[in-house]
Amino acid sequence: MSSRLNPYVMFDGNAQEAMEFYKGVFGGDLRLNTFGEYGAPEPAIADKVMHAQLETDRGFTLMASDPPPGIDRQPGNNISISLSGEDADELRGYWEKLSMGGTVTMPLEKQMWGDEFGQLVDKFGISWMVNIGQAQQS
């Protein structure tokens, strides 16, 4: 998979409803994962969306989640730009350049789902997420 850039929206507990709506608008394939699927023990968030991804036949990609514990969702901080793919060198290069003069809010490191992931706010106040997918072993 080549690298891609797309919006990532954080909803206020209704990510599944919103993403199903957008699927109705744009069509495509919607994948949802809940916090509970990744072992979140808190019953209040077990059924909330940790990650949703809508891929359309027109090439649109929209990603979304509900806020994880400890994150205060406010208008203005509820949308990020996501960079993702499997070209680790390319994506780490973008990470380094975007983080210059900015603030790393989650270091780029291996996560429980197997990919490298990090978040930062660039020097202009724009939130970025970088996910380096691990190549599938055959």
N, C-alpha and C. Protein backbone atom coordinates (compact mmCIF):
# COMPACT_ATOMS: atom_id res chain seq x y z
N MET A 1 0.85 -1.18 0.00
CA MET A 1 0.00 0.00 0.00
C MET A 1 0.89 1.24 0.00
N SER A 2 0.59 2.14 -0.90
CA SER A 2 1.32 3.41 -0.90
C SER A 2 0.79 4.28 0.24
N SER A 3 1.54 5.29 0.57
CA SER A 3 1.12 6.19 1.65
C SER A 3 -0.09 6.99 1.21
N ARG A 4 -0.94 7.33 2.19
CA ARG A 4 -2.11 8.13 1.88
C ARG A 4 -2.35 9.16 2.97
N LEU A 5 -3.06 10.20 2.61
CA LEU A 5 -3.40 11.28 3.53
C LEU A 5 -4.92 11.40 3.53
N ASN A 6 -5.53 11.40 4.71
CA ASN A 6 -6.98 11.51 4.79
C ASN A 6 -7.42 12.10 6.13
N PRO A 7 -8.66 12.60 6.19
CA PRO A 7 -9.16 13.14 7.47
C PRO A 7 -9.46 12.02 8.46
N TYR A 8 -9.29 12.32 9.74
CA TYR A 8 -9.60 11.42 10.84
C TYR A 8 -10.42 12.22 11.85
N VAL A 9 -11.68 11.86 12.01
CA VAL A 9 -12.61 12.63 12.82
C VAL A 9 -12.89 11.91 14.15
N MET A 10 -12.87 12.67 15.25
CA MET A 10 -13.25 12.12 16.55
C MET A 10 -14.66 12.60 16.87
N PHE A 11 -15.57 11.64 17.02
CA PHE A 11 -16.95 11.95 17.35
C PHE A 11 -17.14 11.90 18.86
N ASP A 12 -18.31 12.32 19.32
CA ASP A 12 -18.58 12.40 20.75
C ASP A 12 -19.40 11.20 21.22
N GLY A 13 -18.88 9.99 20.96
CA GLY A 13 -19.57 8.78 21.39
C GLY A 13 -20.52 8.19 20.36
N ASN A 14 -20.66 8.83 19.21
CA ASN A 14 -21.58 8.33 18.18
C ASN A 14 -20.86 8.06 16.85
N ALA A 15 -19.61 7.61 16.93
CA ALA A 15 -18.82 7.36 15.72
C ALA A 15 -19.47 6.29 14.84
N GLN A 16 -20.00 5.24 15.43
CA GLN A 16 -20.60 4.18 14.62
C GLN A 16 -21.78 4.72 13.82
N GLU A 17 -22.65 5.46 14.49
CA GLU A 17 -23.81 6.05 13.81
C GLU A 17 -23.36 6.99 12.69
N ALA A 18 -22.38 7.82 12.97
CA ALA A 18 -21.89 8.77 11.97
C ALA A 18 -21.28 8.06 10.77
N MET A 19 -20.45 7.04 11.05
CA MET A 19 -19.78 6.35 9.94
C MET A 19 -20.77 5.54 9.11
N GLU A 20 -21.80 4.99 9.74
CA GLU A 20 -22.84 4.30 8.97
C GLU A 20 -23.59 5.30 8.10
N PHE A 21 -23.81 6.50 8.60
CA PHE A 21 -24.42 7.56 7.80
C PHE A 21 -23.56 7.88 6.58
N TYR A 22 -22.23 8.08 6.80
CA TYR A 22 -21.34 8.41 5.69
C TYR A 22 -21.24 7.26 4.69
N LYS A 23 -21.33 6.03 5.17
CA LYS A 23 -21.36 4.89 4.24
C LYS A 23 -22.60 4.98 3.37
N GLY A 24 -23.74 5.38 3.95
CA GLY A 24 -24.96 5.56 3.17
C GLY A 24 -24.83 6.67 2.14
N VAL A 25 -24.05 7.68 2.46
CA VAL A 25 -23.84 8.80 1.54
C VAL A 25 -22.89 8.40 0.41
N PHE A 26 -21.72 7.84 0.77
CA PHE A 26 -20.65 7.60 -0.19
C PHE A 26 -20.55 6.16 -0.68
N GLY A 27 -21.22 5.21 0.01
CA GLY A 27 -21.05 3.79 -0.32
C GLY A 27 -19.72 3.30 0.19
N GLY A 28 -19.34 2.10 -0.22
CA GLY A 28 -18.03 1.58 0.12
C GLY A 28 -18.05 0.55 1.23
N ASP A 29 -16.87 0.26 1.74
CA ASP A 29 -16.65 -0.76 2.75
C ASP A 29 -16.30 -0.09 4.07
N LEU A 30 -17.08 -0.39 5.11
CA LEU A 30 -16.86 0.19 6.44
C LEU A 30 -16.37 -0.89 7.38
N ARG A 31 -15.22 -0.63 8.01
CA ARG A 31 -14.69 -1.53 9.05
C ARG A 31 -14.67 -0.77 10.37
N LEU A 32 -15.17 -1.43 11.43
CA LEU A 32 -15.23 -0.84 12.76
C LEU A 32 -14.55 -1.76 13.76
N ASN A 33 -13.77 -1.18 14.67
CA ASN A 33 -13.20 -1.91 15.79
C ASN A 33 -13.53 -1.14 17.06
N THR A 34 -13.94 -1.87 18.09
CA THR A 34 -14.28 -1.22 19.36
C THR A 34 -13.11 -1.29 20.33
N PHE A 35 -13.18 -0.45 21.35
CA PHE A 35 -12.17 -0.49 22.41
C PHE A 35 -12.17 -1.86 23.08
N GLY A 36 -13.35 -2.46 23.25
CA GLY A 36 -13.46 -3.77 23.87
C GLY A 36 -12.73 -4.85 23.10
N GLU A 37 -12.75 -4.76 21.77
CA GLU A 37 -12.03 -5.74 20.95
C GLU A 37 -10.53 -5.72 21.21
N TYR A 38 -10.03 -4.59 21.69
CA TYR A 38 -8.61 -4.47 21.99
C TYR A 38 -8.34 -4.53 23.49
N GLY A 39 -9.30 -5.05 24.24
CA GLY A 39 -9.07 -5.35 25.64
C GLY A 39 -9.34 -4.23 26.63
N ALA A 40 -10.02 -3.16 26.21
CA ALA A 40 -10.34 -2.09 27.18
C ALA A 40 -11.28 -2.65 28.24
N PRO A 41 -10.87 -2.60 29.50
CA PRO A 41 -11.69 -3.21 30.55
C PRO A 41 -12.87 -2.34 31.00
N GLU A 42 -12.86 -1.06 30.68
CA GLU A 42 -13.92 -0.17 31.15
C GLU A 42 -15.22 -0.43 30.38
N PRO A 43 -16.28 -0.89 31.05
CA PRO A 43 -17.54 -1.17 30.35
C PRO A 43 -18.10 0.05 29.62
N ALA A 44 -17.85 1.24 30.14
CA ALA A 44 -18.40 2.45 29.53
C ALA A 44 -17.88 2.70 28.11
N ILE A 45 -16.71 2.17 27.78
CA ILE A 45 -16.17 2.41 26.44
C ILE A 45 -16.02 1.14 25.61
N ALA A 46 -16.31 -0.03 26.18
CA ALA A 46 -16.08 -1.29 25.47
C ALA A 46 -16.76 -1.33 24.11
N ASP A 47 -17.96 -0.76 23.98
CA ASP A 47 -18.68 -0.78 22.71
C ASP A 47 -18.44 0.47 21.86
N LYS A 48 -17.64 1.39 22.35
CA LYS A 48 -17.34 2.60 21.58
C LYS A 48 -16.28 2.29 20.52
N VAL A 49 -16.25 3.11 19.49
CA VAL A 49 -15.38 2.86 18.34
C VAL A 49 -13.96 3.36 18.63
N MET A 50 -13.01 2.43 18.59
CA MET A 50 -11.59 2.78 18.72
C MET A 50 -11.05 3.22 17.36
N HIS A 51 -11.53 2.57 16.28
CA HIS A 51 -11.11 2.93 14.93
C HIS A 51 -12.16 2.47 13.93
N ALA A 52 -12.52 3.37 13.04
CA ALA A 52 -13.42 3.05 11.93
C ALA A 52 -12.76 3.56 10.65
N GLN A 53 -12.96 2.82 9.58
CA GLN A 53 -12.39 3.24 8.29
C GLN A 53 -13.37 2.93 7.19
N LEU A 54 -13.74 3.96 6.45
CA LEU A 54 -14.63 3.83 5.30
C LEU A 54 -13.78 4.02 4.04
N GLU A 55 -13.80 3.02 3.17
CA GLU A 55 -13.09 3.08 1.88
C GLU A 55 -14.16 3.02 0.80
N THR A 56 -14.16 4.01 -0.11
CA THR A 56 -15.18 4.02 -1.15
C THR A 56 -14.60 3.61 -2.50
N ASP A 57 -15.50 3.25 -3.41
CA ASP A 57 -15.09 2.87 -4.76
C ASP A 57 -14.48 4.06 -5.51
N ARG A 58 -14.77 5.28 -5.07
CA ARG A 58 -14.24 6.48 -5.71
C ARG A 58 -12.85 6.86 -5.18
N GLY A 59 -12.35 6.08 -4.23
CA GLY A 59 -11.02 6.35 -3.68
C GLY A 59 -11.02 7.24 -2.46
N PHE A 60 -12.20 7.54 -1.91
CA PHE A 60 -12.27 8.33 -0.69
C PHE A 60 -11.97 7.44 0.52
N THR A 61 -11.28 7.99 1.50
CA THR A 61 -11.06 7.31 2.77
C THR A 61 -11.41 8.28 3.89
N LEU A 62 -12.24 7.81 4.81
CA LEU A 62 -12.59 8.59 5.99
C LEU A 62 -12.38 7.69 7.20
N MET A 63 -11.64 8.18 8.18
CA MET A 63 -11.39 7.44 9.41
C MET A 63 -12.01 8.19 10.57
N ALA A 64 -12.35 7.42 11.63
CA ALA A 64 -13.01 8.06 12.78
C ALA A 64 -12.85 7.20 14.02
N SER A 65 -13.16 7.83 15.17
CA SER A 65 -13.18 7.13 16.45
C SER A 65 -14.05 7.91 17.41
N ASP A 66 -14.34 7.25 18.54
CA ASP A 66 -14.88 7.94 19.70
C ASP A 66 -13.69 8.33 20.56
N PRO A 67 -13.82 9.30 21.46
CA PRO A 67 -12.65 9.69 22.26
C PRO A 67 -12.23 8.58 23.22
N PRO A 68 -10.95 8.28 23.28
CA PRO A 68 -10.47 7.31 24.27
C PRO A 68 -10.51 7.93 25.66
N PRO A 69 -10.41 7.09 26.69
CA PRO A 69 -10.41 7.63 28.06
C PRO A 69 -9.31 8.68 28.24
N GLY A 70 -9.66 9.76 28.91
CA GLY A 70 -8.69 10.81 29.20
C GLY A 70 -8.58 11.88 28.14
N ILE A 71 -9.27 11.72 27.01
CA ILE A 71 -9.22 12.72 25.94
C ILE A 71 -10.50 13.54 25.98
N ASP A 72 -10.35 14.84 26.07
CA ASP A 72 -11.47 15.76 26.09
C ASP A 72 -11.72 16.25 24.67
N ARG A 73 -12.80 15.78 24.06
CA ARG A 73 -13.14 16.18 22.70
C ARG A 73 -13.79 17.56 22.72
N GLN A 74 -13.24 18.47 21.95
CA GLN A 74 -13.76 19.82 21.83
C GLN A 74 -13.80 20.18 20.35
N PRO A 75 -14.78 20.98 19.92
CA PRO A 75 -14.74 21.45 18.54
C PRO A 75 -13.39 22.11 18.27
N GLY A 76 -12.77 21.71 17.20
CA GLY A 76 -11.44 22.22 16.87
C GLY A 76 -10.35 21.20 17.11
N ASN A 77 -10.53 20.31 18.11
CA ASN A 77 -9.53 19.27 18.30
C ASN A 77 -10.09 17.91 17.91
N ASN A 78 -11.24 17.89 17.26
CA ASN A 78 -11.88 16.63 16.93
C ASN A 78 -11.60 16.15 15.51
N ILE A 79 -10.66 16.77 14.83
CA ILE A 79 -10.28 16.30 13.50
C ILE A 79 -8.76 16.38 13.36
N SER A 80 -8.21 15.33 12.80
CA SER A 80 -6.77 15.25 12.55
C SER A 80 -6.56 14.85 11.10
N ILE A 81 -5.35 14.97 10.65
CA ILE A 81 -4.97 14.45 9.34
C ILE A 81 -4.16 13.20 9.58
N SER A 82 -4.53 12.13 8.90
CA SER A 82 -3.87 10.85 9.07
C SER A 82 -2.96 10.57 7.88
N LEU A 83 -1.75 10.16 8.17
CA LEU A 83 -0.81 9.65 7.17
C LEU A 83 -0.60 8.19 7.48
N SER A 84 -0.82 7.32 6.50
CA SER A 84 -0.66 5.89 6.77
C SER A 84 -0.14 5.18 5.54
N GLY A 85 0.45 4.03 5.78
CA GLY A 85 0.99 3.20 4.71
C GLY A 85 2.00 2.23 5.28
N GLU A 86 2.77 1.61 4.39
CA GLU A 86 3.76 0.63 4.82
C GLU A 86 5.19 1.05 4.52
N ASP A 87 5.38 2.21 3.87
CA ASP A 87 6.73 2.69 3.57
C ASP A 87 7.27 3.40 4.81
N ALA A 88 7.91 2.62 5.68
CA ALA A 88 8.37 3.13 6.97
C ALA A 88 9.32 4.31 6.83
N ASP A 89 10.26 4.25 5.90
CA ASP A 89 11.23 5.34 5.74
C ASP A 89 10.53 6.63 5.32
N GLU A 90 9.63 6.53 4.36
CA GLU A 90 8.90 7.71 3.90
C GLU A 90 8.07 8.32 5.03
N LEU A 91 7.31 7.47 5.74
CA LEU A 91 6.44 7.97 6.80
C LEU A 91 7.23 8.51 7.99
N ARG A 92 8.34 7.88 8.34
CA ARG A 92 9.19 8.43 9.42
C ARG A 92 9.77 9.78 9.02
N GLY A 93 10.09 9.94 7.73
CA GLY A 93 10.57 11.23 7.23
C GLY A 93 9.53 12.33 7.39
N TYR A 94 8.28 12.00 7.03
CA TYR A 94 7.20 12.97 7.22
C TYR A 94 7.06 13.30 8.71
N TRP A 95 7.11 12.27 9.56
CA TRP A 95 6.98 12.44 11.02
C TRP A 95 8.03 13.43 11.52
N GLU A 96 9.26 13.21 11.14
CA GLU A 96 10.37 14.08 11.60
C GLU A 96 10.14 15.52 11.17
N LYS A 97 9.76 15.72 9.92
CA LYS A 97 9.56 17.09 9.42
C LYS A 97 8.35 17.75 10.06
N LEU A 98 7.25 17.01 10.21
CA LEU A 98 6.06 17.59 10.82
C LEU A 98 6.27 17.93 12.29
N SER A 99 7.11 17.15 12.98
CA SER A 99 7.30 17.38 14.42
C SER A 99 8.26 18.53 14.71
N MET A 100 9.02 18.99 13.72
CA MET A 100 9.94 20.11 13.94
C MET A 100 9.16 21.37 14.33
N GLY A 101 9.40 21.87 15.53
CA GLY A 101 8.71 23.06 16.01
C GLY A 101 7.33 22.77 16.56
N GLY A 102 6.92 21.50 16.53
CA GLY A 102 5.60 21.12 17.02
C GLY A 102 5.70 20.39 18.35
N THR A 103 4.63 19.70 18.72
CA THR A 103 4.57 18.97 19.98
C THR A 103 4.14 17.53 19.71
N VAL A 104 4.97 16.59 20.11
CA VAL A 104 4.61 15.18 19.99
C VAL A 104 3.69 14.84 21.16
N THR A 105 2.48 14.38 20.85
CA THR A 105 1.52 14.04 21.90
C THR A 105 1.49 12.55 22.19
N MET A 106 1.96 11.74 21.24
CA MET A 106 2.13 10.30 21.43
C MET A 106 3.31 9.89 20.56
N PRO A 107 4.39 9.40 21.15
CA PRO A 107 5.57 9.05 20.36
C PRO A 107 5.26 8.00 19.29
N LEU A 108 5.97 8.07 18.19
CA LEU A 108 5.84 7.09 17.11
C LEU A 108 6.51 5.80 17.57
N GLU A 109 5.68 4.82 17.95
CA GLU A 109 6.21 3.56 18.47
C GLU A 109 5.20 2.44 18.25
N LYS A 110 5.66 1.21 18.43
CA LYS A 110 4.84 0.01 18.24
C LYS A 110 3.62 0.05 19.16
N GLN A 111 2.45 -0.30 18.60
CA GLN A 111 1.20 -0.27 19.35
C GLN A 111 0.61 -1.67 19.48
N MET A 112 -0.45 -1.79 20.29
CA MET A 112 -1.04 -3.10 20.56
C MET A 112 -1.62 -3.77 19.32
N TRP A 113 -1.94 -3.00 18.29
CA TRP A 113 -2.49 -3.60 17.06
C TRP A 113 -1.39 -4.02 16.09
N GLY A 114 -0.12 -3.79 16.47
CA GLY A 114 1.00 -4.29 15.68
C GLY A 114 1.71 -3.27 14.82
N ASP A 115 1.09 -2.13 14.57
CA ASP A 115 1.71 -1.09 13.74
C ASP A 115 2.48 -0.10 14.61
N GLU A 116 3.32 0.70 13.96
CA GLU A 116 3.91 1.86 14.64
C GLU A 116 2.93 3.01 14.45
N PHE A 117 2.69 3.78 15.52
CA PHE A 117 1.72 4.86 15.47
C PHE A 117 2.17 5.97 16.38
N GLY A 118 1.92 7.20 15.96
CA GLY A 118 2.20 8.36 16.79
C GLY A 118 1.30 9.52 16.43
N GLN A 119 1.22 10.48 17.33
CA GLN A 119 0.41 11.68 17.11
C GLN A 119 1.23 12.91 17.48
N LEU A 120 0.99 13.98 16.75
CA LEU A 120 1.66 15.24 17.04
C LEU A 120 0.79 16.41 16.61
N VAL A 121 1.12 17.56 17.13
CA VAL A 121 0.52 18.82 16.69
C VAL A 121 1.65 19.63 16.09
N ASP A 122 1.50 20.00 14.81
CA ASP A 122 2.59 20.72 14.16
C ASP A 122 2.67 22.18 14.64
N LYS A 123 3.66 22.89 14.16
CA LYS A 123 3.89 24.26 14.65
C LYS A 123 2.77 25.23 14.28
N PHE A 124 1.83 24.78 13.42
CA PHE A 124 0.71 25.63 13.05
C PHE A 124 -0.58 25.23 13.79
N GLY A 125 -0.46 24.25 14.72
CA GLY A 125 -1.61 23.81 15.50
C GLY A 125 -2.45 22.72 14.84
N ILE A 126 -1.93 22.11 13.77
CA ILE A 126 -2.66 21.05 13.08
C ILE A 126 -2.28 19.70 13.68
N SER A 127 -3.30 18.88 14.01
CA SER A 127 -3.07 17.55 14.58
C SER A 127 -2.83 16.53 13.46
N TRP A 128 -1.80 15.71 13.67
CA TRP A 128 -1.42 14.67 12.71
C TRP A 128 -1.34 13.33 13.40
N MET A 129 -1.72 12.27 12.68
CA MET A 129 -1.56 10.88 13.12
C MET A 129 -0.74 10.18 12.04
N VAL A 130 0.27 9.43 12.46
CA VAL A 130 1.08 8.67 11.50
C VAL A 130 1.01 7.21 11.92
N ASN A 131 0.62 6.35 10.96
CA ASN A 131 0.54 4.91 11.20
C ASN A 131 1.36 4.19 10.15
N ILE A 132 2.36 3.44 10.62
CA ILE A 132 3.20 2.65 9.72
C ILE A 132 2.75 1.22 9.86
N GLY A 133 2.04 0.73 8.83
CA GLY A 133 1.54 -0.65 8.83
C GLY A 133 2.66 -1.64 8.66
N GLN A 134 2.49 -2.76 9.28
CA GLN A 134 3.47 -3.84 9.17
C GLN A 134 3.10 -4.68 7.96
N ALA A 135 4.06 -4.93 7.09
CA ALA A 135 3.83 -5.74 5.90
C ALA A 135 3.30 -7.12 6.32
N GLN A 136 2.31 -7.60 5.62
CA GLN A 136 1.72 -8.89 5.94
C GLN A 136 2.68 -10.01 5.58
N GLN A 137 2.84 -10.93 6.50
CA GLN A 137 3.70 -12.09 6.27
C GLN A 137 2.86 -13.17 5.60
N SER A 138 3.43 -13.84 4.59
CA SER A 138 2.68 -14.91 3.94
C SER A 138 3.14 -16.27 4.42
